[in-house]
Amino acid sequence: MTRWHDWRRASERAKSHRRLHGLYTYANGLSISFMATLIDSGSVLSGSTTEPCTTGQCPSDTIHANLAGRRQASAVTFTKIYEQAGPGYERPVAYDGVLASDMNEIEGRWSIAGALSGKFLMIRSAGKAVAAERKVAVRA
């Protein structure tokens, strides 16, 4: 059994979901923080994100998106689709990452086909937002 399986089993005891603090970073270095709930149902992933609107053209200051994807061993892939977020948020965002061996981080790349791409980092558990910001700053 993999360590991911151990994390999944622990998450099943906690209603099969985990909260993660995260940052996604554009090629120019701009980073946006977000909160995610990621649900692992075997090899199928689902969940949601909440993040600030950065275009100034959203219906509210906070926007939401749904996540759907897969997990195979430490490889994690999912697509983020925003919910009525407004201009600039119409296209799906593809995420490809790797679950760290300690099962507390997912790091990888995001992309919007033919448009933008960058890096992302998600860290499990409360109190990790500052650590995520520091890690992205160091890795940028």
C-alpha atoms as a PDB file:
ATOM      1  CA  MET A   1       0.000   0.000   0.000  1.00  0.00           C
ATOM      2  CA  THR A   2       1.202   3.474  -0.809  1.00  0.00           C
ATOM      3  CA  ARG A   3       1.393   6.342   1.588  1.00  0.00           C
ATOM      4  CA  TRP A   4      -1.321   8.051  -0.479  1.00  0.00           C
ATOM      5  CA  HIS A   5      -3.569   5.151   0.480  1.00  0.00           C
ATOM      6  CA  ASP A   6      -2.809   5.838   4.146  1.00  0.00           C
ATOM      7  CA  TRP A   7      -3.708   9.510   3.636  1.00  0.00           C
ATOM      8  CA  ARG A   8      -6.908   8.474   1.857  1.00  0.00           C
ATOM      9  CA  ARG A   9      -7.835   6.062   4.649  1.00  0.00           C
ATOM     10  CA  ALA A  10      -7.279   8.818   7.210  1.00  0.00           C
ATOM     11  CA  SER A  11      -9.393  11.182   5.124  1.00  0.00           C
ATOM     12  CA  GLU A  12     -12.187   8.579   4.919  1.00  0.00           C
ATOM     13  CA  ARG A  13     -12.346   8.636   8.714  1.00  0.00           C
ATOM     14  CA  ALA A  14     -12.623  12.431   8.463  1.00  0.00           C
ATOM     15  CA  LYS A  15     -15.513  12.414   5.925  1.00  0.00           C
ATOM     16  CA  SER A  16     -13.165  11.759   2.954  1.00  0.00           C
ATOM     17  CA  HIS A  17     -12.021  15.334   2.465  1.00  0.00           C
ATOM     18  CA  ARG A  18      -9.066  17.533   3.255  1.00  0.00           C
ATOM     19  CA  ARG A  19      -8.668  21.283   3.402  1.00  0.00           C
ATOM     20  CA  LEU A  20      -5.599  22.667   1.702  1.00  0.00           C
ATOM     21  CA  HIS A  21      -4.021  26.107   1.563  1.00  0.00           C
ATOM     22  CA  GLY A  22      -2.553  26.894  -1.796  1.00  0.00           C
ATOM     23  CA  LEU A  23      -0.911  29.347  -4.121  1.00  0.00           C
ATOM     24  CA  TYR A  24      -0.837  29.442  -7.864  1.00  0.00           C
ATOM     25  CA  THR A  25       1.804  31.556  -9.527  1.00  0.00           C
ATOM     26  CA  TYR A  26       1.866  33.168 -12.958  1.00  0.00           C
ATOM     27  CA  ALA A  27       4.990  33.256 -15.145  1.00  0.00           C
ATOM     28  CA  ASN A  28       5.504  36.916 -14.135  1.00  0.00           C
ATOM     29  CA  GLY A  29       5.763  35.910 -10.455  1.00  0.00           C
ATOM     30  CA  LEU A  30       2.323  37.113  -9.304  1.00  0.00           C
ATOM     31  CA  SER A  31       0.904  34.600  -6.777  1.00  0.00           C
ATOM     32  CA  ILE A  32      -2.754  34.130  -5.819  1.00  0.00           C
ATOM     33  CA  SER A  33      -3.713  32.330  -2.609  1.00  0.00           C
ATOM     34  CA  PHE A  34      -6.671  29.954  -2.420  1.00  0.00           C
ATOM     35  CA  MET A  35      -8.382  27.445  -0.168  1.00  0.00           C
ATOM     36  CA  ALA A  36      -9.310  24.018  -1.517  1.00  0.00           C
ATOM     37  CA  THR A  37     -11.309  21.049  -0.369  1.00  0.00           C
ATOM     38  CA  LEU A  38     -10.074  17.913  -2.106  1.00  0.00           C
ATOM     39  CA  ILE A  39     -12.080  14.695  -1.851  1.00  0.00           C
ATOM     40  CA  ASP A  40     -10.409  11.382  -2.656  1.00  0.00           C
ATOM     41  CA  SER A  41     -12.791   8.576  -3.649  1.00  0.00           C
ATOM     42  CA  GLY A  42     -10.379   5.848  -4.672  1.00  0.00           C
ATOM     43  CA  SER A  43      -8.643   7.109  -7.798  1.00  0.00           C
ATOM     44  CA  VAL A  44     -11.264   9.822  -8.428  1.00  0.00           C
ATOM     45  CA  LEU A  45     -10.736  13.324  -7.054  1.00  0.00           C
ATOM     46  CA  SER A  46     -13.338  16.043  -6.642  1.00  0.00           C
ATOM     47  CA  GLY A  47     -13.646  19.208  -4.650  1.00  0.00           C
ATOM     48  CA  SER A  48     -13.813  22.973  -4.748  1.00  0.00           C
ATOM     49  CA  THR A  49     -11.741  26.114  -4.367  1.00  0.00           C
ATOM     50  CA  THR A  50     -12.298  29.613  -3.043  1.00  0.00           C
ATOM     51  CA  GLU A  51     -10.031  32.496  -4.031  1.00  0.00           C
ATOM     52  CA  PRO A  52     -10.078  36.274  -4.417  1.00  0.00           C
ATOM     53  CA  CYS A  53     -11.239  37.856  -7.672  1.00  0.00           C
ATOM     54  CA  THR A  54      -8.216  39.505  -9.264  1.00  0.00           C
ATOM     55  CA  THR A  55      -9.866  41.040 -12.349  1.00  0.00           C
ATOM     56  CA  GLY A  56     -12.123  43.469 -10.531  1.00  0.00           C
ATOM     57  CA  GLN A  57     -14.997  42.315 -12.755  1.00  0.00           C
ATOM     58  CA  CYS A  58     -16.468  39.486 -10.651  1.00  0.00           C
ATOM     59  CA  PRO A  59     -19.922  39.438  -9.044  1.00  0.00           C
ATOM     60  CA  SER A  60     -18.185  39.365  -5.616  1.00  0.00           C
ATOM     61  CA  ASP A  61     -14.705  39.683  -4.124  1.00  0.00           C
ATOM     62  CA  THR A  62     -14.489  35.895  -3.658  1.00  0.00           C
ATOM     63  CA  ILE A  63     -14.904  33.378  -6.468  1.00  0.00           C
ATOM     64  CA  HIS A  64     -15.536  29.640  -6.401  1.00  0.00           C
ATOM     65  CA  ALA A  65     -14.603  26.746  -8.656  1.00  0.00           C
ATOM     66  CA  ASN A  66     -15.246  23.007  -8.851  1.00  0.00           C
ATOM     67  CA  LEU A  67     -12.479  20.422  -9.146  1.00  0.00           C
ATOM     68  CA  ALA A  68     -12.631  17.057 -10.901  1.00  0.00           C
ATOM     69  CA  GLY A  69      -9.749  14.716 -11.637  1.00  0.00           C
ATOM     70  CA  ARG A  70      -7.794  11.581 -10.886  1.00  0.00           C
ATOM     71  CA  ARG A  71      -5.042  10.292  -8.659  1.00  0.00           C
ATOM     72  CA  GLN A  72      -2.660   7.477  -9.561  1.00  0.00           C
ATOM     73  CA  ALA A  73      -0.049   6.729  -6.877  1.00  0.00           C
ATOM     74  CA  SER A  74       1.578  10.147  -6.294  1.00  0.00           C
ATOM     75  CA  ALA A  75       0.424  11.669  -9.626  1.00  0.00           C
ATOM     76  CA  VAL A  76      -2.488  14.086  -9.235  1.00  0.00           C
ATOM     77  CA  THR A  77      -4.390  15.658 -12.152  1.00  0.00           C
ATOM     78  CA  PHE A  78      -7.541  17.725 -11.996  1.00  0.00           C
ATOM     79  CA  THR A  79      -9.452  20.422 -13.826  1.00  0.00           C
ATOM     80  CA  LYS A  80     -10.764  23.568 -12.167  1.00  0.00           C
ATOM     81  CA  ILE A  81     -13.933  25.138 -13.583  1.00  0.00           C
ATOM     82  CA  TYR A  82     -15.038  28.466 -12.162  1.00  0.00           C
ATOM     83  CA  GLU A  83     -18.668  29.061 -11.158  1.00  0.00           C
ATOM     84  CA  GLN A  84     -20.098  32.324 -12.522  1.00  0.00           C
ATOM     85  CA  ALA A  85     -16.901  34.182 -11.681  1.00  0.00           C
ATOM     86  CA  GLY A  86     -17.105  36.747 -14.461  1.00  0.00           C
ATOM     87  CA  PRO A  87     -14.806  37.865 -17.286  1.00  0.00           C
ATOM     88  CA  GLY A  88     -11.360  36.274 -17.278  1.00  0.00           C
ATOM     89  CA  TYR A  89     -12.543  33.080 -15.558  1.00  0.00           C
ATOM     90  CA  GLU A  90     -14.471  31.364 -18.377  1.00  0.00           C
ATOM     91  CA  ARG A  91     -11.901  28.734 -19.367  1.00  0.00           C
ATOM     92  CA  PRO A  92     -11.038  25.509 -17.505  1.00  0.00           C
ATOM     93  CA  VAL A  93      -7.678  25.288 -15.762  1.00  0.00           C
ATOM     94  CA  ALA A  94      -5.712  22.009 -15.917  1.00  0.00           C
ATOM     95  CA  TYR A  95      -3.541  21.048 -12.933  1.00  0.00           C
ATOM     96  CA  ASP A  96      -0.820  18.351 -12.999  1.00  0.00           C
ATOM     97  CA  GLY A  97       1.043  17.707  -9.771  1.00  0.00           C
ATOM     98  CA  VAL A  98       2.869  15.302  -7.526  1.00  0.00           C
ATOM     99  CA  LEU A  99       1.902  14.378  -3.989  1.00  0.00           C
ATOM    100  CA  ALA A 100       4.924  14.698  -1.684  1.00  0.00           C
ATOM    101  CA  SER A 101       6.154  11.599   0.134  1.00  0.00           C
ATOM    102  CA  ASP A 102       4.980  13.054   3.481  1.00  0.00           C
ATOM    103  CA  MET A 103       1.461  13.351   1.956  1.00  0.00           C
ATOM    104  CA  ASN A 104       1.113  16.974   3.051  1.00  0.00           C
ATOM    105  CA  GLU A 105       1.835  18.805  -0.215  1.00  0.00           C
ATOM    106  CA  ILE A 106       0.879  18.713  -3.856  1.00  0.00           C
ATOM    107  CA  GLU A 107       3.158  20.664  -6.166  1.00  0.00           C
ATOM    108  CA  GLY A 108       3.029  21.062  -9.906  1.00  0.00           C
ATOM    109  CA  ARG A 109       1.962  23.140 -12.880  1.00  0.00           C
ATOM    110  CA  TRP A 110      -1.325  24.648 -14.019  1.00  0.00           C
ATOM    111  CA  SER A 111      -2.321  25.711 -17.519  1.00  0.00           C
ATOM    112  CA  ILE A 112      -5.114  27.304 -19.484  1.00  0.00           C
ATOM    113  CA  ALA A 113      -4.890  25.836 -22.992  1.00  0.00           C
ATOM    114  CA  GLY A 114      -3.304  28.286 -25.408  1.00  0.00           C
ATOM    115  CA  ALA A 115      -3.265  31.113 -22.877  1.00  0.00           C
ATOM    116  CA  LEU A 116      -1.472  31.026 -19.518  1.00  0.00           C
ATOM    117  CA  SER A 117       0.480  28.648 -17.303  1.00  0.00           C
ATOM    118  CA  GLY A 118       2.423  28.613 -14.072  1.00  0.00           C
ATOM    119  CA  LYS A 119       3.202  26.713 -10.886  1.00  0.00           C
ATOM    120  CA  PHE A 120       1.043  25.737  -7.927  1.00  0.00           C
ATOM    121  CA  LEU A 121       1.552  24.462  -4.404  1.00  0.00           C
ATOM    122  CA  MET A 122      -1.098  23.068  -2.056  1.00  0.00           C
ATOM    123  CA  ILE A 123      -0.335  22.300   1.603  1.00  0.00           C
ATOM    124  CA  ARG A 124      -2.611  20.205   3.797  1.00  0.00           C
ATOM    125  CA  SER A 125      -3.786  21.225   7.281  1.00  0.00           C
ATOM    126  CA  ALA A 126      -4.580  24.416   9.125  1.00  0.00           C
ATOM    127  CA  GLY A 127      -1.894  26.999   9.722  1.00  0.00           C
ATOM    128  CA  LYS A 128       0.073  26.197   6.572  1.00  0.00           C
ATOM    129  CA  ALA A 129      -0.840  29.217   4.420  1.00  0.00           C
ATOM    130  CA  VAL A 130       2.250  31.204   5.426  1.00  0.00           C
ATOM    131  CA  ALA A 131       4.479  28.191   4.786  1.00  0.00           C
ATOM    132  CA  ALA A 132       2.969  27.823   1.306  1.00  0.00           C
ATOM    133  CA  GLU A 133       3.645  31.485   0.534  1.00  0.00           C
ATOM    134  CA  ARG A 134       7.256  31.154   1.690  1.00  0.00           C
ATOM    135  CA  LYS A 135       7.853  27.980  -0.339  1.00  0.00           C
ATOM    136  CA  VAL A 136       6.456  29.511  -3.515  1.00  0.00           C
ATOM    137  CA  ALA A 137       8.568  32.630  -2.985  1.00  0.00           C
ATOM    138  CA  VAL A 138      11.709  30.531  -2.550  1.00  0.00           C
ATOM    139  CA  ARG A 139      10.941  28.292  -5.563  1.00  0.00           C
ATOM    140  CA  ALA A 140       9.970  31.112  -7.913  1.00  0.00           C
END
